[in-house]
C-alpha atoms as a PDB file:
ATOM      1  CA  MET A   1      -8.729 -36.833 -31.097  1.00  0.00           C
ATOM      2  CA  THR A   2      -8.952 -33.501 -29.260  1.00  0.00           C
ATOM      3  CA  LEU A   3      -5.705 -31.583 -29.232  1.00  0.00           C
ATOM      4  CA  PRO A   4      -4.629 -30.101 -25.886  1.00  0.00           C
ATOM      5  CA  GLU A   5      -5.271 -26.419 -25.418  1.00  0.00           C
ATOM      6  CA  LYS A   6      -2.315 -24.077 -25.692  1.00  0.00           C
ATOM      7  CA  PRO A   7      -0.968 -22.626 -22.442  1.00  0.00           C
ATOM      8  CA  TRP A   8      -2.573 -19.295 -21.581  1.00  0.00           C
ATOM      9  CA  TYR A   9       0.705 -17.445 -22.070  1.00  0.00           C
ATOM     10  CA  GLU A  10       0.649 -18.445 -25.720  1.00  0.00           C
ATOM     11  CA  THR A  11      -3.021 -17.549 -26.334  1.00  0.00           C
ATOM     12  CA  ALA A  12      -2.799 -14.212 -24.491  1.00  0.00           C
ATOM     13  CA  PHE A  13       0.068 -12.897 -26.609  1.00  0.00           C
ATOM     14  CA  GLU A  14      -1.222 -13.503 -30.101  1.00  0.00           C
ATOM     15  CA  SER A  15      -1.861 -10.702 -32.599  1.00  0.00           C
ATOM     16  CA  GLU A  16      -4.843  -9.221 -30.713  1.00  0.00           C
ATOM     17  CA  TYR A  17      -2.524  -8.233 -27.869  1.00  0.00           C
ATOM     18  CA  LEU A  18      -1.269  -5.322 -29.957  1.00  0.00           C
ATOM     19  CA  GLU A  19      -4.786  -3.922 -30.268  1.00  0.00           C
ATOM     20  CA  VAL A  20      -5.753  -4.472 -26.638  1.00  0.00           C
ATOM     21  CA  TYR A  21      -2.583  -2.782 -25.350  1.00  0.00           C
ATOM     22  CA  ALA A  22      -2.080  -0.195 -28.073  1.00  0.00           C
ATOM     23  CA  HIS A  23      -1.034   2.391 -25.449  1.00  0.00           C
ATOM     24  CA  ARG A  24       2.188   0.458 -24.872  1.00  0.00           C
ATOM     25  CA  ASP A  25       4.077   2.256 -27.608  1.00  0.00           C
ATOM     26  CA  LEU A  26       7.586   3.284 -28.594  1.00  0.00           C
ATOM     27  CA  GLU A  27       7.374   6.725 -26.991  1.00  0.00           C
ATOM     28  CA  SER A  28       6.596   5.292 -23.563  1.00  0.00           C
ATOM     29  CA  ALA A  29       9.331   2.683 -24.067  1.00  0.00           C
ATOM     30  CA  ARG A  30      11.856   5.461 -24.744  1.00  0.00           C
ATOM     31  CA  ARG A  31      11.020   7.121 -21.434  1.00  0.00           C
ATOM     32  CA  GLU A  32      11.335   3.832 -19.597  1.00  0.00           C
ATOM     33  CA  VAL A  33      14.627   3.054 -21.325  1.00  0.00           C
ATOM     34  CA  ASP A  34      15.996   6.414 -20.173  1.00  0.00           C
ATOM     35  CA  TRP A  35      15.503   5.175 -16.619  1.00  0.00           C
ATOM     36  CA  LEU A  36      16.927   1.721 -17.400  1.00  0.00           C
ATOM     37  CA  VAL A  37      20.111   3.181 -18.860  1.00  0.00           C
ATOM     38  CA  GLY A  38      20.402   5.356 -15.756  1.00  0.00           C
ATOM     39  CA  GLN A  39      20.365   2.162 -13.676  1.00  0.00           C
ATOM     40  CA  GLY A  40      23.380   0.800 -15.518  1.00  0.00           C
ATOM     41  CA  VAL A  41      21.694  -1.196 -18.287  1.00  0.00           C
ATOM     42  CA  GLY A  42      24.113  -1.272 -21.211  1.00  0.00           C
ATOM     43  CA  GLY A  43      26.630  -3.300 -23.141  1.00  0.00           C
ATOM     44  CA  CYS A  44      25.381  -6.566 -24.594  1.00  0.00           C
ATOM     45  CA  THR A  45      21.819  -6.671 -23.248  1.00  0.00           C
ATOM     46  CA  LEU A  46      18.988  -9.211 -23.374  1.00  0.00           C
ATOM     47  CA  ASP A  47      15.398  -7.948 -23.480  1.00  0.00           C
ATOM     48  CA  LEU A  48      13.694 -11.027 -22.042  1.00  0.00           C
ATOM     49  CA  CYS A  49      10.042 -11.340 -23.125  1.00  0.00           C
ATOM     50  CA  CYS A  50      10.556  -8.528 -25.622  1.00  0.00           C
ATOM     51  CA  GLY A  51       7.146  -8.702 -27.311  1.00  0.00           C
ATOM     52  CA  PHE A  52       7.206  -6.755 -30.575  1.00  0.00           C
ATOM     53  CA  GLY A  53      10.458  -5.085 -29.604  1.00  0.00           C
ATOM     54  CA  ARG A  54       9.559  -1.575 -28.483  1.00  0.00           C
ATOM     55  CA  HIS A  55      12.041  -1.556 -25.585  1.00  0.00           C
ATOM     56  CA  SER A  56      14.627  -3.360 -27.699  1.00  0.00           C
ATOM     57  CA  LEU A  57      14.394  -0.622 -30.317  1.00  0.00           C
ATOM     58  CA  ALA A  58      14.544   2.139 -27.707  1.00  0.00           C
ATOM     59  CA  LEU A  59      17.658   0.520 -26.224  1.00  0.00           C
ATOM     60  CA  LEU A  60      19.201   0.213 -29.667  1.00  0.00           C
ATOM     61  CA  GLU A  61      18.545   3.922 -30.241  1.00  0.00           C
ATOM     62  CA  ARG A  62      20.541   4.600 -27.090  1.00  0.00           C
ATOM     63  CA  GLY A  63      23.508   2.661 -28.452  1.00  0.00           C
ATOM     64  CA  VAL A  64      22.904  -0.512 -26.432  1.00  0.00           C
ATOM     65  CA  ALA A  65      23.810  -3.780 -28.191  1.00  0.00           C
ATOM     66  CA  VAL A  66      20.444  -5.360 -27.500  1.00  0.00           C
ATOM     67  CA  PHE A  67      18.940  -8.731 -28.376  1.00  0.00           C
ATOM     68  CA  GLY A  68      15.380  -9.797 -27.612  1.00  0.00           C
ATOM     69  CA  LEU A  69      13.618 -13.085 -26.947  1.00  0.00           C
ATOM     70  CA  ASP A  70       9.917 -13.870 -26.866  1.00  0.00           C
ATOM     71  CA  LEU A  71       7.704 -16.928 -27.271  1.00  0.00           C
ATOM     72  CA  SER A  72       5.064 -15.180 -29.385  1.00  0.00           C
ATOM     73  CA  GLN A  73       5.663 -15.479 -33.115  1.00  0.00           C
ATOM     74  CA  ASP A  74       2.828 -12.998 -33.723  1.00  0.00           C
ATOM     75  CA  LEU A  75       4.508 -10.305 -31.654  1.00  0.00           C
ATOM     76  CA  LEU A  76       7.983 -10.967 -33.025  1.00  0.00           C
ATOM     77  CA  ALA A  77       6.580 -10.598 -36.551  1.00  0.00           C
ATOM     78  CA  SER A  78       5.081  -7.187 -35.731  1.00  0.00           C
ATOM     79  CA  THR A  79       8.189  -5.003 -35.495  1.00  0.00           C
ATOM     80  CA  ASP A  80       6.989  -3.185 -38.621  1.00  0.00           C
ATOM     81  CA  ARG A  81       4.512  -1.392 -36.343  1.00  0.00           C
ATOM     82  CA  LEU A  82       7.467   0.485 -34.897  1.00  0.00           C
ATOM     83  CA  GLU A  83       9.035   3.436 -36.693  1.00  0.00           C
ATOM     84  CA  GLY A  84      12.535   2.162 -37.376  1.00  0.00           C
ATOM     85  CA  GLY A  85      11.555  -1.387 -36.514  1.00  0.00           C
ATOM     86  CA  GLU A  86      13.628  -2.687 -39.428  1.00  0.00           C
ATOM     87  CA  ARG A  87      16.704  -1.978 -37.288  1.00  0.00           C
ATOM     88  CA  LEU A  88      15.742  -4.971 -35.150  1.00  0.00           C
ATOM     89  CA  GLY A  89      16.363  -7.390 -38.024  1.00  0.00           C
ATOM     90  CA  GLY A  90      18.455 -10.304 -36.762  1.00  0.00           C
ATOM     91  CA  ARG A  91      18.203  -9.151 -33.153  1.00  0.00           C
ATOM     92  CA  LEU A  92      14.979 -10.860 -32.010  1.00  0.00           C
ATOM     93  CA  VAL A  93      14.619 -14.602 -31.532  1.00  0.00           C
ATOM     94  CA  ARG A  94      11.737 -16.885 -30.640  1.00  0.00           C
ATOM     95  CA  GLY A  95      12.335 -19.002 -27.574  1.00  0.00           C
ATOM     96  CA  ASP A  96      11.204 -20.199 -24.153  1.00  0.00           C
ATOM     97  CA  VAL A  97      12.468 -18.213 -21.160  1.00  0.00           C
ATOM     98  CA  ARG A  98      13.059 -21.486 -19.289  1.00  0.00           C
ATOM     99  CA  PHE A  99      15.533 -22.682 -21.927  1.00  0.00           C
ATOM    100  CA  LEU A 100      17.463 -19.698 -23.258  1.00  0.00           C
ATOM    101  CA  PRO A 101      19.375 -20.291 -26.519  1.00  0.00           C
ATOM    102  CA  PHE A 102      22.355 -18.245 -25.364  1.00  0.00           C
ATOM    103  CA  ALA A 103      25.828 -18.989 -24.055  1.00  0.00           C
ATOM    104  CA  ASP A 104      26.834 -18.807 -20.392  1.00  0.00           C
ATOM    105  CA  GLU A 105      27.769 -15.277 -19.244  1.00  0.00           C
ATOM    106  CA  GLN A 106      26.849 -13.794 -22.631  1.00  0.00           C
ATOM    107  CA  PHE A 107      25.139 -10.618 -21.418  1.00  0.00           C
ATOM    108  CA  ASP A 108      26.256  -7.515 -19.559  1.00  0.00           C
ATOM    109  CA  SER A 109      22.634  -6.646 -18.750  1.00  0.00           C
ATOM    110  CA  LEU A 110      19.203  -8.293 -18.801  1.00  0.00           C
ATOM    111  CA  VAL A 111      15.799  -6.639 -18.522  1.00  0.00           C
ATOM    112  CA  ASN A 112      12.464  -8.381 -17.945  1.00  0.00           C
ATOM    113  CA  LEU A 113       9.654  -5.840 -18.217  1.00  0.00           C
ATOM    114  CA  PHE A 114       5.895  -5.402 -17.704  1.00  0.00           C
ATOM    115  CA  SER A 115       5.026  -8.300 -15.403  1.00  0.00           C
ATOM    116  CA  SER A 116       6.525 -10.976 -17.652  1.00  0.00           C
ATOM    117  CA  PHE A 117       7.509 -13.182 -14.716  1.00  0.00           C
ATOM    118  CA  GLY A 118       5.485 -15.571 -12.556  1.00  0.00           C
ATOM    119  CA  TYR A 119       3.824 -17.598 -15.318  1.00  0.00           C
ATOM    120  CA  PHE A 120       5.101 -21.130 -14.666  1.00  0.00           C
ATOM    121  CA  GLY A 121       4.503 -21.985 -11.010  1.00  0.00           C
ATOM    122  CA  LEU A 122       7.273 -21.908  -8.421  1.00  0.00           C
ATOM    123  CA  GLU A 123       9.370 -24.629 -10.044  1.00  0.00           C
ATOM    124  CA  GLY A 124       9.067 -23.146 -13.522  1.00  0.00           C
ATOM    125  CA  ASP A 125       9.732 -19.604 -12.294  1.00  0.00           C
ATOM    126  CA  GLU A 126      12.879 -20.796 -10.549  1.00  0.00           C
ATOM    127  CA  ARG A 127      13.976 -22.366 -13.820  1.00  0.00           C
ATOM    128  CA  VAL A 128      13.652 -18.930 -15.452  1.00  0.00           C
ATOM    129  CA  LEU A 129      15.846 -17.436 -12.726  1.00  0.00           C
ATOM    130  CA  ASP A 130      18.392 -20.219 -13.243  1.00  0.00           C
ATOM    131  CA  GLU A 131      18.631 -19.223 -16.887  1.00  0.00           C
ATOM    132  CA  ILE A 132      18.876 -15.519 -16.098  1.00  0.00           C
ATOM    133  CA  ALA A 133      21.753 -16.234 -13.720  1.00  0.00           C
ATOM    134  CA  ARG A 134      23.444 -18.462 -16.285  1.00  0.00           C
ATOM    135  CA  VAL A 135      23.493 -15.947 -19.140  1.00  0.00           C
ATOM    136  CA  LEU A 136      24.474 -12.900 -17.038  1.00  0.00           C
ATOM    137  CA  ARG A 137      28.192 -12.262 -16.710  1.00  0.00           C
ATOM    138  CA  PRO A 138      29.662 -11.640 -13.218  1.00  0.00           C
ATOM    139  CA  GLY A 139      28.851  -8.063 -12.322  1.00  0.00           C
ATOM    140  CA  GLY A 140      26.032  -7.967 -14.865  1.00  0.00           C
ATOM    141  CA  ARG A 141      22.996  -5.746 -14.319  1.00  0.00           C
ATOM    142  CA  LEU A 142      19.475  -7.199 -13.943  1.00  0.00           C
ATOM    143  CA  VAL A 143      16.221  -5.226 -13.914  1.00  0.00           C
ATOM    144  CA  MET A 144      12.948  -7.082 -13.274  1.00  0.00           C
ATOM    145  CA  ASP A 145       9.594  -5.307 -13.480  1.00  0.00           C
ATOM    146  CA  LEU A 146       7.169  -7.156 -11.204  1.00  0.00           C
ATOM    147  CA  MET A 147       3.649  -6.503  -9.983  1.00  0.00           C
ATOM    148  CA  ASN A 148       3.302  -5.008  -6.509  1.00  0.00           C
ATOM    149  CA  PRO A 149       1.496  -7.725  -4.492  1.00  0.00           C
ATOM    150  CA  ASP A 150       0.095  -5.341  -1.852  1.00  0.00           C
ATOM    151  CA  ARG A 151      -1.374  -2.982  -4.430  1.00  0.00           C
ATOM    152  CA  ILE A 152      -2.911  -5.882  -6.386  1.00  0.00           C
ATOM    153  CA  ARG A 153      -4.510  -7.306  -3.234  1.00  0.00           C
ATOM    154  CA  ASP A 154      -5.769  -3.930  -2.034  1.00  0.00           C
ATOM    155  CA  HIS A 155      -7.203  -2.729  -5.346  1.00  0.00           C
ATOM    156  CA  LEU A 156      -8.079  -5.818  -7.376  1.00  0.00           C
ATOM    157  CA  LYS A 157     -10.972  -5.023  -9.682  1.00  0.00           C
ATOM    158  CA  PRO A 158     -13.102  -8.189  -9.931  1.00  0.00           C
ATOM    159  CA  TYR A 159     -14.619  -7.308 -13.302  1.00  0.00           C
ATOM    160  CA  SER A 160     -13.967  -4.927 -16.158  1.00  0.00           C
ATOM    161  CA  GLN A 161     -15.303  -4.497 -19.676  1.00  0.00           C
ATOM    162  CA  THR A 162     -13.572  -2.497 -22.386  1.00  0.00           C
ATOM    163  CA  GLU A 163     -14.766  -1.722 -25.912  1.00  0.00           C
ATOM    164  CA  ARG A 164     -12.248  -0.285 -28.334  1.00  0.00           C
ATOM    165  CA  ASP A 165     -12.310   0.026 -32.123  1.00  0.00           C
ATOM    166  CA  GLY A 166     -14.907  -2.708 -32.523  1.00  0.00           C
ATOM    167  CA  MET A 167     -13.292  -5.112 -30.030  1.00  0.00           C
ATOM    168  CA  LEU A 168     -14.793  -6.257 -26.724  1.00  0.00           C
ATOM    169  CA  LEU A 169     -12.624  -7.294 -23.778  1.00  0.00           C
ATOM    170  CA  GLU A 170     -14.139  -8.765 -20.604  1.00  0.00           C
ATOM    171  CA  GLU A 171     -11.965  -9.678 -17.624  1.00  0.00           C
ATOM    172  CA  HIS A 172     -12.880 -11.414 -14.348  1.00  0.00           C
ATOM    173  CA  ARG A 173     -10.113 -11.315 -11.714  1.00  0.00           C
ATOM    174  CA  ARG A 174      -9.611 -13.052  -8.376  1.00  0.00           C
ATOM    175  CA  LEU A 175      -6.925 -13.904  -5.872  1.00  0.00           C
ATOM    176  CA  VAL A 176      -6.141 -17.568  -5.231  1.00  0.00           C
ATOM    177  CA  ASP A 177      -3.648 -19.587  -3.182  1.00  0.00           C
ATOM    178  CA  GLY A 178      -4.038 -17.327  -0.164  1.00  0.00           C
ATOM    179  CA  GLY A 179      -3.443 -14.224  -2.254  1.00  0.00           C
ATOM    180  CA  GLN A 180      -0.193 -15.540  -3.707  1.00  0.00           C
ATOM    181  CA  ARG A 181      -1.570 -15.717  -7.239  1.00  0.00           C
ATOM    182  CA  VAL A 182      -3.927 -13.618  -9.307  1.00  0.00           C
ATOM    183  CA  THR A 183      -6.033 -15.224 -12.022  1.00  0.00           C
ATOM    184  CA  LYS A 184      -7.892 -13.488 -14.809  1.00  0.00           C
ATOM    185  CA  GLN A 185     -10.604 -15.044 -16.958  1.00  0.00           C
ATOM    186  CA  VAL A 186     -10.523 -13.259 -20.285  1.00  0.00           C
ATOM    187  CA  ARG A 187     -13.122 -13.107 -23.047  1.00  0.00           C
ATOM    188  CA  LEU A 188     -12.063 -11.269 -26.196  1.00  0.00           C
ATOM    189  CA  VAL A 189     -14.362 -10.675 -29.164  1.00  0.00           C
ATOM    190  CA  ASP A 190     -12.605  -9.267 -32.217  1.00  0.00           C
ATOM    191  CA  ARG A 191     -14.033  -7.051 -34.953  1.00  0.00           C
ATOM    192  CA  SER A 192     -15.220 -10.046 -36.968  1.00  0.00           C
ATOM    193  CA  GLY A 193     -17.123 -11.486 -33.998  1.00  0.00           C
ATOM    194  CA  LEU A 194     -14.593 -14.237 -33.342  1.00  0.00           C
ATOM    195  CA  GLU A 195     -14.433 -15.040 -29.627  1.00  0.00           C
ATOM    196  CA  LYS A 196     -11.397 -16.219 -27.656  1.00  0.00           C
ATOM    197  CA  ARG A 197     -11.268 -17.218 -23.996  1.00  0.00           C
ATOM    198  CA  TRP A 198      -8.369 -18.025 -21.699  1.00  0.00           C
ATOM    199  CA  VAL A 199      -7.406 -17.889 -18.017  1.00  0.00           C
ATOM    200  CA  GLU A 200      -4.233 -16.078 -17.001  1.00  0.00           C
ATOM    201  CA  ASP A 201      -2.502 -17.212 -13.807  1.00  0.00           C
ATOM    202  CA  VAL A 202       0.403 -15.163 -12.431  1.00  0.00           C
ATOM    203  CA  ARG A 203       2.241 -15.578  -9.129  1.00  0.00           C
ATOM    204  CA  LEU A 204       2.793 -12.454  -7.036  1.00  0.00           C
ATOM    205  CA  TYR A 205       6.292 -12.150  -5.600  1.00  0.00           C
ATOM    206  CA  GLU A 206       7.016 -10.242  -2.396  1.00  0.00           C
ATOM    207  CA  THR A 207      10.323  -8.381  -2.394  1.00  0.00           C
ATOM    208  CA  ALA A 208      11.751 -10.659   0.312  1.00  0.00           C
ATOM    209  CA  HIS A 209      10.852 -13.761  -1.703  1.00  0.00           C
ATOM    210  CA  ILE A 210      12.371 -12.605  -4.986  1.00  0.00           C
ATOM    211  CA  GLU A 211      15.418 -11.347  -3.062  1.00  0.00           C
ATOM    212  CA  ALA A 212      15.958 -14.810  -1.570  1.00  0.00           C
ATOM    213  CA  LEU A 213      15.479 -16.534  -4.924  1.00  0.00           C
ATOM    214  CA  LEU A 214      17.976 -14.223  -6.606  1.00  0.00           C
ATOM    215  CA  ALA A 215      20.485 -14.474  -3.748  1.00  0.00           C
ATOM    216  CA  ALA A 216      20.468 -18.262  -4.100  1.00  0.00           C
ATOM    217  CA  ARG A 217      21.689 -17.650  -7.659  1.00  0.00           C
ATOM    218  CA  ARG A 218      24.360 -15.130  -6.651  1.00  0.00           C
ATOM    219  CA  ILE A 219      22.356 -12.102  -7.757  1.00  0.00           C
ATOM    220  CA  ALA A 220      22.012  -9.314  -5.206  1.00  0.00           C
ATOM    221  CA  ILE A 221      19.230  -6.713  -5.164  1.00  0.00           C
ATOM    222  CA  GLU A 222      20.635  -3.191  -4.915  1.00  0.00           C
ATOM    223  CA  ARG A 223      17.386  -1.231  -4.890  1.00  0.00           C
ATOM    224  CA  VAL A 224      13.637  -1.549  -5.432  1.00  0.00           C
ATOM    225  CA  VAL A 225      11.584   1.378  -6.727  1.00  0.00           C
ATOM    226  CA  GLY A 226       7.899   1.907  -7.413  1.00  0.00           C
ATOM    227  CA  ASP A 227       7.843   3.148 -11.005  1.00  0.00           C
ATOM    228  CA  PHE A 228      10.004   4.150 -13.966  1.00  0.00           C
ATOM    229  CA  GLY A 229      10.416   7.600 -12.446  1.00  0.00           C
ATOM    230  CA  GLY A 230      12.218   6.117  -9.456  1.00  0.00           C
ATOM    231  CA  ALA A 231       9.412   6.697  -6.929  1.00  0.00           C
ATOM    232  CA  PRO A 232       9.853   4.946  -3.564  1.00  0.00           C
ATOM    233  CA  PHE A 233       8.481   1.433  -3.399  1.00  0.00           C
ATOM    234  CA  GLY A 234       5.634   0.911  -0.972  1.00  0.00           C
ATOM    235  CA  ARG A 235       2.152  -0.480  -0.615  1.00  0.00           C
ATOM    236  CA  GLU A 236       0.654   1.934  -3.156  1.00  0.00           C
ATOM    237  CA  ALA A 237       3.483   1.792  -5.706  1.00  0.00           C
ATOM    238  CA  THR A 238       2.252   1.060  -9.232  1.00  0.00           C
ATOM    239  CA  ARG A 239       5.129  -1.347  -9.947  1.00  0.00           C
ATOM    240  CA  GLN A 240       7.912  -3.275  -8.217  1.00  0.00           C
ATOM    241  CA  LEU A 241      11.089  -2.537 -10.159  1.00  0.00           C
ATOM    242  CA  VAL A 242      13.949  -4.682  -8.882  1.00  0.00           C
ATOM    243  CA  VAL A 243      17.467  -3.511  -9.738  1.00  0.00           C
ATOM    244  CA  ALA A 244      20.108  -6.150  -9.056  1.00  0.00           C
ATOM    245  CA  ARG A 245      23.629  -7.236  -9.948  1.00  0.00           C
ATOM    246  CA  SER A 246      25.172 -10.639 -10.522  1.00  0.00           C
ATOM    247  CA  ARG A 247      27.979 -11.345  -8.068  1.00  0.00           C
END
């Protein structure tokens, strides 16, 4: 019997992720957390899709009572890559963002960073938003870091190849569903010659669409900016950072 393949969002975030995206480090997380704290992130905070905990640790350093959740056991087991990562002991949990293992209104703030939304189709993505709304207390702060659909459509690079420290990464990208989703065929060859392939599929959310979805869950967008420096959001913005509050 052939076992079903794992979903792409499990394969893509195994141990190799840390090598492919080695530039996503604690120092950059500290700068980004400075901005997050300035937006009102604080109190009991959930780092949703926390990876190996770099933003969780940076928040903890700022005195925020942070907890993190991620589906990847490989990433959750890699906090020792972070200087001071032992401080995250007991603060990170493995779980599915569609079924959060937390009580209603448990968190004062919730952050969802680096395009970690849009993985499950419209119905599944709405389930994630249901859970976010459930665990945020009234008046709680939400920050979502989404891709900028216009920039992706204008500048999509169909193919790229990267070689780093004996690893080979090939990526083929295209827009599907009338430009509402971006898919990426990935081929990764590690240092031992082992090859992995998967296809990523992420929905792009316009500001008006995510605003309507959040409003239906009594979460109101207060501002949208284009990067962690607070640049204006527009067609060329590198990111779509949504700052909102639960009503």
